Amino acid sequence: MGRFYCDRAYWLMTRDLLVLTGKILEGPVEPDMAIDLPTSIRGPGLTPIHSVQEVTFEDRPPELGLVIEMHHLEKAPLMEPSHLEKRELKVV
C-alpha cells in the first residue's frame, strides 16, 4: 500500500480527466493501482489511476500528477476536487 499527498486537484474538462498533483509519501504509486477518494468528502472510494506523469506549469516547477479518467467519478457527482487538496490519500 502507498500514500500520496495531494497538494492540488484540477478538472481538465476538455480531456475528461481529474489531475491530482503532489508527492508520493510511501510505497509505489503506479498506473492501474487505485487511489482512495474518500466517501466522507463525497468521493467514489477506490478509483483507478490512469497514469502517473510530470505536470508542467508556467509559473512554478513541475509536479508529479496522478491522472484519473472522469468516467470513474460518475458514481460521485457531488465530489468537489478542492476537498482532496492538502490531504494524504491511500493507494492500493
PDB file of N, CA and C in Angstrom:
ATOM      1  N   MET A   1       0.845  -1.183   0.000  1.00  0.00           N
ATOM      2  CA  MET A   1       0.000   0.000   0.000  1.00  0.00           C
ATOM      3  C   MET A   1       0.885   1.240   0.000  1.00  0.00           C
ATOM      4  N   GLY A   2       0.431   2.276  -0.704  1.00  0.00           N
ATOM      5  CA  GLY A   2       1.157   3.526  -0.766  1.00  0.00           C
ATOM      6  C   GLY A   2       0.326   4.676  -0.228  1.00  0.00           C
ATOM      7  N   ARG A   3       0.975   5.823  -0.146  1.00  0.00           N
ATOM      8  CA  ARG A   3       0.299   7.053   0.278  1.00  0.00           C
ATOM      9  C   ARG A   3       0.738   8.184  -0.646  1.00  0.00           C
ATOM     10  N   PHE A   4      -0.215   9.018  -1.033  1.00  0.00           N
ATOM     11  CA  PHE A   4       0.043  10.156  -1.910  1.00  0.00           C
ATOM     12  C   PHE A   4      -0.485  11.405  -1.231  1.00  0.00           C
ATOM     13  N   TYR A   5       0.344  12.469  -1.180  1.00  0.00           N
ATOM     14  CA  TYR A   5      -0.102  13.752  -0.644  1.00  0.00           C
ATOM     15  C   TYR A   5      -0.593  14.592  -1.811  1.00  0.00           C
ATOM     16  N   CYS A   6      -1.869  14.925  -1.807  1.00  0.00           N
ATOM     17  CA  CYS A   6      -2.462  15.750  -2.872  1.00  0.00           C
ATOM     18  C   CYS A   6      -2.343  17.215  -2.476  1.00  0.00           C
ATOM     19  N   ASP A   7      -1.515  17.932  -3.204  1.00  0.00           N
ATOM     20  CA  ASP A   7      -1.370  19.360  -2.971  1.00  0.00           C
ATOM     21  C   ASP A   7      -2.499  20.134  -3.653  1.00  0.00           C
ATOM     22  N   ARG A   8      -2.736  19.800  -4.928  1.00  0.00           N
ATOM     23  CA  ARG A   8      -3.791  20.484  -5.693  1.00  0.00           C
ATOM     24  C   ARG A   8      -4.518  19.487  -6.582  1.00  0.00           C
ATOM     25  N   ALA A   9      -5.767  19.824  -6.910  1.00  0.00           N
ATOM     26  CA  ALA A   9      -6.583  18.974  -7.782  1.00  0.00           C
ATOM     27  C   ALA A   9      -7.186  19.840  -8.885  1.00  0.00           C
ATOM     28  N   TYR A  10      -7.176  19.308 -10.097  1.00  0.00           N
ATOM     29  CA  TYR A  10      -7.649  20.058 -11.261  1.00  0.00           C
ATOM     30  C   TYR A  10      -8.578  19.206 -12.115  1.00  0.00           C
ATOM     31  N   TRP A  11      -9.708  19.788 -12.541  1.00  0.00           N
ATOM     32  CA  TRP A  11     -10.526  19.175 -13.586  1.00  0.00           C
ATOM     33  C   TRP A  11      -9.946  19.611 -14.919  1.00  0.00           C
ATOM     34  N   LEU A  12      -9.742  18.699 -15.827  1.00  0.00           N
ATOM     35  CA  LEU A  12      -9.401  19.021 -17.212  1.00  0.00           C
ATOM     36  C   LEU A  12     -10.604  18.591 -18.047  1.00  0.00           C
ATOM     37  N   MET A  13     -11.611  19.431 -18.082  1.00  0.00           N
ATOM     38  CA  MET A  13     -12.888  19.089 -18.706  1.00  0.00           C
ATOM     39  C   MET A  13     -12.745  18.744 -20.187  1.00  0.00           C
ATOM     40  N   THR A  14     -11.867  19.441 -20.890  1.00  0.00           N
ATOM     41  CA  THR A  14     -11.731  19.183 -22.331  1.00  0.00           C
ATOM     42  C   THR A  14     -11.155  17.801 -22.613  1.00  0.00           C
ATOM     43  N   ARG A  15     -10.520  17.195 -21.616  1.00  0.00           N
ATOM     44  CA  ARG A  15      -9.949  15.852 -21.784  1.00  0.00           C
ATOM     45  C   ARG A  15     -10.634  14.807 -20.903  1.00  0.00           C
ATOM     46  N   ASP A  16     -11.663  15.225 -20.180  1.00  0.00           N
ATOM     47  CA  ASP A  16     -12.389  14.327 -19.270  1.00  0.00           C
ATOM     48  C   ASP A  16     -11.459  13.663 -18.261  1.00  0.00           C
ATOM     49  N   LEU A  17     -10.645  14.501 -17.597  1.00  0.00           N
ATOM     50  CA  LEU A  17      -9.678  13.990 -16.625  1.00  0.00           C
ATOM     51  C   LEU A  17      -9.719  14.798 -15.330  1.00  0.00           C
ATOM     52  N   LEU A  18      -9.347  14.132 -14.246  1.00  0.00           N
ATOM     53  CA  LEU A  18      -9.050  14.780 -12.980  1.00  0.00           C
ATOM     54  C   LEU A  18      -7.562  14.550 -12.735  1.00  0.00           C
ATOM     55  N   VAL A  19      -6.826  15.612 -12.420  1.00  0.00           N
ATOM     56  CA  VAL A  19      -5.390  15.503 -12.155  1.00  0.00           C
ATOM     57  C   VAL A  19      -5.131  15.939 -10.719  1.00  0.00           C
ATOM     58  N   LEU A  20      -4.466  15.061  -9.978  1.00  0.00           N
ATOM     59  CA  LEU A  20      -4.060  15.360  -8.601  1.00  0.00           C
ATOM     60  C   LEU A  20      -2.559  15.560  -8.608  1.00  0.00           C
ATOM     61  N   THR A  21      -2.093  16.731  -8.196  1.00  0.00           N
ATOM     62  CA  THR A  21      -0.653  16.966  -8.144  1.00  0.00           C
ATOM     63  C   THR A  21      -0.186  16.925  -6.697  1.00  0.00           C
ATOM     64  N   GLY A  22       1.039  16.463  -6.511  1.00  0.00           N
ATOM     65  CA  GLY A  22       1.584  16.364  -5.166  1.00  0.00           C
ATOM     66  C   GLY A  22       2.807  15.479  -5.144  1.00  0.00           C
ATOM     67  N   LYS A  23       2.914  14.657  -4.085  1.00  0.00           N
ATOM     68  CA  LYS A  23       4.105  13.814  -3.962  1.00  0.00           C
ATOM     69  C   LYS A  23       3.749  12.474  -3.339  1.00  0.00           C
ATOM     70  N   ILE A  24       4.549  11.481  -3.687  1.00  0.00           N
ATOM     71  CA  ILE A  24       4.404  10.148  -3.114  1.00  0.00           C
ATOM     72  C   ILE A  24       5.063  10.162  -1.734  1.00  0.00           C
ATOM     73  N   LEU A  25       4.322   9.757  -0.733  1.00  0.00           N
ATOM     74  CA  LEU A  25       4.845   9.718   0.629  1.00  0.00           C
ATOM     75  C   LEU A  25       5.402   8.347   0.993  1.00  0.00           C
ATOM     76  N   GLU A  26       4.809   7.299   0.396  1.00  0.00           N
ATOM     77  CA  GLU A  26       5.208   5.943   0.785  1.00  0.00           C
ATOM     78  C   GLU A  26       4.784   4.954  -0.292  1.00  0.00           C
ATOM     79  N   GLY A  27       5.626   3.948  -0.498  1.00  0.00           N
ATOM     80  CA  GLY A  27       5.288   2.832  -1.370  1.00  0.00           C
ATOM     81  C   GLY A  27       5.187   3.207  -2.834  1.00  0.00           C
ATOM     82  N   PRO A  28       4.842   2.228  -3.657  1.00  0.00           N
ATOM     83  CA  PRO A  28       4.686   2.505  -5.073  1.00  0.00           C
ATOM     84  C   PRO A  28       3.344   3.179  -5.350  1.00  0.00           C
ATOM     85  N   VAL A  29       3.334   4.035  -6.358  1.00  0.00           N
ATOM     86  CA  VAL A  29       2.107   4.637  -6.889  1.00  0.00           C
ATOM     87  C   VAL A  29       2.258   4.573  -8.394  1.00  0.00           C
ATOM     88  N   GLU A  30       1.463   3.705  -9.030  1.00  0.00           N
ATOM     89  CA  GLU A  30       1.631   3.422 -10.451  1.00  0.00           C
ATOM     90  C   GLU A  30       0.284   3.359 -11.156  1.00  0.00           C
ATOM     91  N   PRO A  31       0.293   3.482 -12.496  1.00  0.00           N
ATOM     92  CA  PRO A  31      -0.949   3.307 -13.252  1.00  0.00           C
ATOM     93  C   PRO A  31      -1.570   1.943 -12.947  1.00  0.00           C
ATOM     94  N   ASP A  32      -2.875   1.898 -12.996  1.00  0.00           N
ATOM     95  CA  ASP A  32      -3.693   0.708 -12.733  1.00  0.00           C
ATOM     96  C   ASP A  32      -3.793   0.353 -11.261  1.00  0.00           C
ATOM     97  N   MET A  33      -3.118   1.102 -10.386  1.00  0.00           N
ATOM     98  CA  MET A  33      -3.379   0.962  -8.957  1.00  0.00           C
ATOM     99  C   MET A  33      -4.635   1.793  -8.680  1.00  0.00           C
ATOM    100  N   ALA A  34      -5.138   1.744  -7.455  1.00  0.00           N
ATOM    101  CA  ALA A  34      -6.338   2.505  -7.097  1.00  0.00           C
ATOM    102  C   ALA A  34      -6.013   3.488  -5.982  1.00  0.00           C
ATOM    103  N   ILE A  35      -6.567   4.689  -6.107  1.00  0.00           N
ATOM    104  CA  ILE A  35      -6.412   5.704  -5.070  1.00  0.00           C
ATOM    105  C   ILE A  35      -7.757   5.859  -4.376  1.00  0.00           C
ATOM    106  N   ASP A  36      -7.727   6.032  -3.065  1.00  0.00           N
ATOM    107  CA  ASP A  36      -8.960   6.176  -2.293  1.00  0.00           C
ATOM    108  C   ASP A  36      -9.363   7.646  -2.246  1.00  0.00           C
ATOM    109  N   LEU A  37     -10.424   7.971  -2.991  1.00  0.00           N
ATOM    110  CA  LEU A  37     -11.018   9.312  -2.944  1.00  0.00           C
ATOM    111  C   LEU A  37     -12.180   9.186  -1.957  1.00  0.00           C
ATOM    112  N   PRO A  38     -11.965   9.616  -0.709  1.00  0.00           N
ATOM    113  CA  PRO A  38     -12.836   9.240   0.405  1.00  0.00           C
ATOM    114  C   PRO A  38     -14.321   9.564   0.212  1.00  0.00           C
ATOM    115  N   THR A  39     -15.150   8.599   0.562  1.00  0.00           N
ATOM    116  CA  THR A  39     -16.594   8.824   0.514  1.00  0.00           C
ATOM    117  C   THR A  39     -17.016   9.872   1.544  1.00  0.00           C
ATOM    118  N   SER A  40     -16.202  10.077   2.580  1.00  0.00           N
ATOM    119  CA  SER A  40     -16.530  11.068   3.612  1.00  0.00           C
ATOM    120  C   SER A  40     -16.535  12.496   3.049  1.00  0.00           C
ATOM    121  N   ILE A  41     -15.897  12.692   1.901  1.00  0.00           N
ATOM    122  CA  ILE A  41     -15.927  14.011   1.244  1.00  0.00           C
ATOM    123  C   ILE A  41     -16.625  13.907  -0.120  1.00  0.00           C
ATOM    124  N   ARG A  42     -17.546  12.939  -0.202  1.00  0.00           N
ATOM    125  CA  ARG A  42     -18.369  12.694  -1.398  1.00  0.00           C
ATOM    126  C   ARG A  42     -17.601  12.120  -2.574  1.00  0.00           C
ATOM    127  N   GLY A  43     -16.445  11.518  -2.300  1.00  0.00           N
ATOM    128  CA  GLY A  43     -15.687  10.843  -3.350  1.00  0.00           C
ATOM    129  C   GLY A  43     -16.248   9.459  -3.614  1.00  0.00           C
ATOM    130  N   PRO A  44     -15.794   8.797  -4.683  1.00  0.00           N
ATOM    131  CA  PRO A  44     -16.308   7.477  -5.037  1.00  0.00           C
ATOM    132  C   PRO A  44     -15.630   6.310  -4.324  1.00  0.00           C
ATOM    133  N   GLY A  45     -14.647   6.579  -3.467  1.00  0.00           N
ATOM    134  CA  GLY A  45     -13.884   5.489  -2.843  1.00  0.00           C
ATOM    135  C   GLY A  45     -12.719   5.103  -3.731  1.00  0.00           C
ATOM    136  N   LEU A  46     -12.406   3.819  -3.807  1.00  0.00           N
ATOM    137  CA  LEU A  46     -11.265   3.357  -4.603  1.00  0.00           C
ATOM    138  C   LEU A  46     -11.507   3.628  -6.085  1.00  0.00           C
ATOM    139  N   THR A  47     -10.541   4.304  -6.712  1.00  0.00           N
ATOM    140  CA  THR A  47     -10.661   4.764  -8.094  1.00  0.00           C
ATOM    141  C   THR A  47      -9.366   4.457  -8.834  1.00  0.00           C
ATOM    142  N   PRO A  48      -9.442   3.862 -10.043  1.00  0.00           N
ATOM    143  CA  PRO A  48      -8.225   3.517 -10.789  1.00  0.00           C
ATOM    144  C   PRO A  48      -7.404   4.742 -11.200  1.00  0.00           C
ATOM    145  N   ILE A  49      -6.087   4.615 -11.095  1.00  0.00           N
ATOM    146  CA  ILE A  49      -5.165   5.654 -11.577  1.00  0.00           C
ATOM    147  C   ILE A  49      -4.864   5.337 -13.038  1.00  0.00           C
ATOM    148  N   HIS A  50      -5.160   6.270 -13.926  1.00  0.00           N
ATOM    149  CA  HIS A  50      -4.927   6.071 -15.361  1.00  0.00           C
ATOM    150  C   HIS A  50      -3.439   6.199 -15.697  1.00  0.00           C
ATOM    151  N   SER A  51      -2.799   7.256 -15.178  1.00  0.00           N
ATOM    152  CA  SER A  51      -1.368   7.446 -15.439  1.00  0.00           C
ATOM    153  C   SER A  51      -0.745   8.272 -14.327  1.00  0.00           C
ATOM    154  N   VAL A  52       0.574   8.186 -14.254  1.00  0.00           N
ATOM    155  CA  VAL A  52       1.372   8.978 -13.313  1.00  0.00           C
ATOM    156  C   VAL A  52       2.401   9.691 -14.173  1.00  0.00           C
ATOM    157  N   GLN A  53       2.400  11.025 -14.123  1.00  0.00           N
ATOM    158  CA  GLN A  53       3.296  11.774 -15.012  1.00  0.00           C
ATOM    159  C   GLN A  53       3.668  13.123 -14.428  1.00  0.00           C
ATOM    160  N   GLU A  54       4.678  13.716 -15.005  1.00  0.00           N
ATOM    161  CA  GLU A  54       5.090  15.054 -14.607  1.00  0.00           C
ATOM    162  C   GLU A  54       4.136  16.066 -15.224  1.00  0.00           C
ATOM    163  N   VAL A  55       3.681  17.011 -14.404  1.00  0.00           N
ATOM    164  CA  VAL A  55       2.780  18.066 -14.860  1.00  0.00           C
ATOM    165  C   VAL A  55       3.552  19.376 -14.820  1.00  0.00           C
ATOM    166  N   THR A  56       3.574  20.080 -15.946  1.00  0.00           N
ATOM    167  CA  THR A  56       4.312  21.346 -16.008  1.00  0.00           C
ATOM    168  C   THR A  56       3.356  22.530 -15.884  1.00  0.00           C
ATOM    169  N   PHE A  57       3.891  23.610 -15.334  1.00  0.00           N
ATOM    170  CA  PHE A  57       3.138  24.846 -15.134  1.00  0.00           C
ATOM    171  C   PHE A  57       3.980  26.006 -15.647  1.00  0.00           C
ATOM    172  N   GLU A  58       3.332  27.097 -16.003  1.00  0.00           N
ATOM    173  CA  GLU A  58       4.064  28.273 -16.467  1.00  0.00           C
ATOM    174  C   GLU A  58       4.711  29.036 -15.318  1.00  0.00           C
ATOM    175  N   ASP A  59       4.105  28.984 -14.140  1.00  0.00           N
ATOM    176  CA  ASP A  59       4.527  29.862 -13.047  1.00  0.00           C
ATOM    177  C   ASP A  59       5.214  29.169 -11.876  1.00  0.00           C
ATOM    178  N   ARG A  60       5.478  27.866 -11.993  1.00  0.00           N
ATOM    179  CA  ARG A  60       6.159  27.163 -10.898  1.00  0.00           C
ATOM    180  C   ARG A  60       6.771  25.869 -11.426  1.00  0.00           C
ATOM    181  N   PRO A  61       7.603  25.229 -10.620  1.00  0.00           N
ATOM    182  CA  PRO A  61       8.270  23.994 -11.073  1.00  0.00           C
ATOM    183  C   PRO A  61       7.274  22.865 -11.349  1.00  0.00           C
ATOM    184  N   PRO A  62       7.684  21.900 -12.157  1.00  0.00           N
ATOM    185  CA  PRO A  62       6.822  20.741 -12.429  1.00  0.00           C
ATOM    186  C   PRO A  62       6.524  19.955 -11.160  1.00  0.00           C
ATOM    187  N   GLU A  63       5.394  19.250 -11.176  1.00  0.00           N
ATOM    188  CA  GLU A  63       4.984  18.408 -10.053  1.00  0.00           C
ATOM    189  C   GLU A  63       4.554  17.046 -10.584  1.00  0.00           C
ATOM    190  N   LEU A  64       4.567  16.068  -9.707  1.00  0.00           N
ATOM    191  CA  LEU A  64       4.059  14.750 -10.047  1.00  0.00           C
ATOM    192  C   LEU A  64       2.535  14.825 -10.100  1.00  0.00           C
ATOM    193  N   GLY A  65       1.941  14.213 -11.113  1.00  0.00           N
ATOM    194  CA  GLY A  65       0.487  14.219 -11.242  1.00  0.00           C
ATOM    195  C   GLY A  65      -0.078  12.819 -11.404  1.00  0.00           C
ATOM    196  N   LEU A  66      -1.162  12.549 -10.701  1.00  0.00           N
ATOM    197  CA  LEU A  66      -1.920  11.316 -10.885  1.00  0.00           C
ATOM    198  C   LEU A  66      -3.138  11.673 -11.719  1.00  0.00           C
ATOM    199  N   VAL A  67      -3.341  10.944 -12.809  1.00  0.00           N
ATOM    200  CA  VAL A  67      -4.418  11.240 -13.737  1.00  0.00           C
ATOM    201  C   VAL A  67      -5.520  10.193 -13.571  1.00  0.00           C
ATOM    202  N   ILE A  68      -6.748  10.680 -13.435  1.00  0.00           N
ATOM    203  CA  ILE A  68      -7.920   9.823 -13.250  1.00  0.00           C
ATOM    204  C   ILE A  68      -8.935  10.167 -14.333  1.00  0.00           C
ATOM    205  N   GLU A  69      -9.436   9.150 -15.026  1.00  0.00           N
ATOM    206  CA  GLU A  69     -10.440   9.382 -16.063  1.00  0.00           C
ATOM    207  C   GLU A  69     -11.788   9.681 -15.410  1.00  0.00           C
ATOM    208  N   MET A  70     -12.486  10.668 -15.970  1.00  0.00           N
ATOM    209  CA  MET A  70     -13.731  11.162 -15.383  1.00  0.00           C
ATOM    210  C   MET A  70     -14.819  10.094 -15.262  1.00  0.00           C
ATOM    211  N   HIS A  71     -14.877   9.141 -16.191  1.00  0.00           N
ATOM    212  CA  HIS A  71     -15.964   8.161 -16.127  1.00  0.00           C
ATOM    213  C   HIS A  71     -15.906   7.334 -14.850  1.00  0.00           C
ATOM    214  N   HIS A  72     -14.747   7.288 -14.192  1.00  0.00           N
ATOM    215  CA  HIS A  72     -14.642   6.578 -12.912  1.00  0.00           C
ATOM    216  C   HIS A  72     -15.257   7.381 -11.766  1.00  0.00           C
ATOM    217  N   LEU A  73     -15.569   8.634 -12.023  1.00  0.00           N
ATOM    218  CA  LEU A  73     -16.107   9.507 -10.981  1.00  0.00           C
ATOM    219  C   LEU A  73     -17.621   9.678 -11.086  1.00  0.00           C
ATOM    220  N   GLU A  74     -18.257   9.000 -12.026  1.00  0.00           N
ATOM    221  CA  GLU A  74     -19.693   9.168 -12.255  1.00  0.00           C
ATOM    222  C   GLU A  74     -20.533   8.801 -11.036  1.00  0.00           C
ATOM    223  N   LYS A  75     -20.058   7.876 -10.218  1.00  0.00           N
ATOM    224  CA  LYS A  75     -20.830   7.494  -9.028  1.00  0.00           C
ATOM    225  C   LYS A  75     -20.667   8.491  -7.884  1.00  0.00           C
ATOM    226  N   ALA A  76     -19.915   9.572  -8.113  1.00  0.00           N
ATOM    227  CA  ALA A  76     -19.729  10.614  -7.094  1.00  0.00           C
ATOM    228  C   ALA A  76     -19.903  11.997  -7.737  1.00  0.00           C
ATOM    229  N   PRO A  77     -21.112  12.291  -8.253  1.00  0.00           N
ATOM    230  CA  PRO A  77     -21.303  13.540  -8.992  1.00  0.00           C
ATOM    231  C   PRO A  77     -21.165  14.809  -8.155  1.00  0.00           C
ATOM    232  N   LEU A  78     -21.231  14.693  -6.843  1.00  0.00           N
ATOM    233  CA  LEU A  78     -21.131  15.878  -5.983  1.00  0.00           C
ATOM    234  C   LEU A  78     -19.724  16.101  -5.427  1.00  0.00           C
ATOM    235  N   MET A  79     -18.774  15.275  -5.851  1.00  0.00           N
ATOM    236  CA  MET A  79     -17.411  15.437  -5.355  1.00  0.00           C
ATOM    237  C   MET A  79     -16.814  16.750  -5.856  1.00  0.00           C
ATOM    238  N   GLU A  80     -16.197  17.481  -4.973  1.00  0.00           N
ATOM    239  CA  GLU A  80     -15.524  18.735  -5.307  1.00  0.00           C
ATOM    240  C   GLU A  80     -14.022  18.480  -5.217  1.00  0.00           C
ATOM    241  N   PRO A  81     -13.269  18.618  -6.317  1.00  0.00           N
ATOM    242  CA  PRO A  81     -11.834  18.320  -6.292  1.00  0.00           C
ATOM    243  C   PRO A  81     -11.060  19.075  -5.208  1.00  0.00           C
ATOM    244  N   SER A  82     -11.467  20.282  -4.895  1.00  0.00           N
ATOM    245  CA  SER A  82     -10.717  21.046  -3.889  1.00  0.00           C
ATOM    246  C   SER A  82     -10.755  20.364  -2.520  1.00  0.00           C
ATOM    247  N   HIS A  83     -11.735  19.500  -2.264  1.00  0.00           N
ATOM    248  CA  HIS A  83     -11.792  18.781  -0.990  1.00  0.00           C
ATOM    249  C   HIS A  83     -10.700  17.723  -0.883  1.00  0.00           C
ATOM    250  N   LEU A  84     -10.059  17.381  -2.004  1.00  0.00           N
ATOM    251  CA  LEU A  84      -8.949  16.419  -1.997  1.00  0.00           C
ATOM    252  C   LEU A  84      -7.613  17.092  -1.694  1.00  0.00           C
ATOM    253  N   GLU A  85      -7.578  18.418  -1.803  1.00  0.00           N
ATOM    254  CA  GLU A  85      -6.318  19.152  -1.638  1.00  0.00           C
ATOM    255  C   GLU A  85      -5.850  19.160  -0.189  1.00  0.00           C
ATOM    256  N   LYS A  86      -4.520  19.134  -0.038  1.00  0.00           N
ATOM    257  CA  LYS A  86      -3.861  19.148   1.280  1.00  0.00           C
ATOM    258  C   LYS A  86      -4.243  17.931   2.114  1.00  0.00           C
ATOM    259  N   ARG A  87      -4.382  16.773   1.440  1.00  0.00           N
ATOM    260  CA  ARG A  87      -4.742  15.522   2.118  1.00  0.00           C
ATOM    261  C   ARG A  87      -3.802  14.406   1.715  1.00  0.00           C
ATOM    262  N   GLU A  88      -3.594  13.483   2.636  1.00  0.00           N
ATOM    263  CA  GLU A  88      -2.929  12.223   2.320  1.00  0.00           C
ATOM    264  C   GLU A  88      -3.998  11.249   1.849  1.00  0.00           C
ATOM    265  N   LEU A  89      -3.726  10.592   0.726  1.00  0.00           N
ATOM    266  CA  LEU A  89      -4.673   9.637   0.166  1.00  0.00           C
ATOM    267  C   LEU A  89      -4.014   8.272   0.062  1.00  0.00           C
ATOM    268  N   LYS A  90      -4.752   7.223   0.392  1.00  0.00           N
ATOM    269  CA  LYS A  90      -4.230   5.854   0.314  1.00  0.00           C
ATOM    270  C   LYS A  90      -4.231   5.380  -1.132  1.00  0.00           C
ATOM    271  N   VAL A  91      -3.213   4.592  -1.474  1.00  0.00           N
ATOM    272  CA  VAL A  91      -3.110   3.982  -2.795  1.00  0.00           C
ATOM    273  C   VAL A  91      -2.913   2.484  -2.596  1.00  0.00           C
ATOM    274  N   VAL A  92      -3.716   1.689  -3.307  1.00  0.00           N
ATOM    275  CA  VAL A  92      -3.604   0.229  -3.203  1.00  0.00           C
ATOM    276  C   VAL A  92      -3.485  -0.398  -4.579  1.00  0.00           C
TER     277      VAL A  92
END
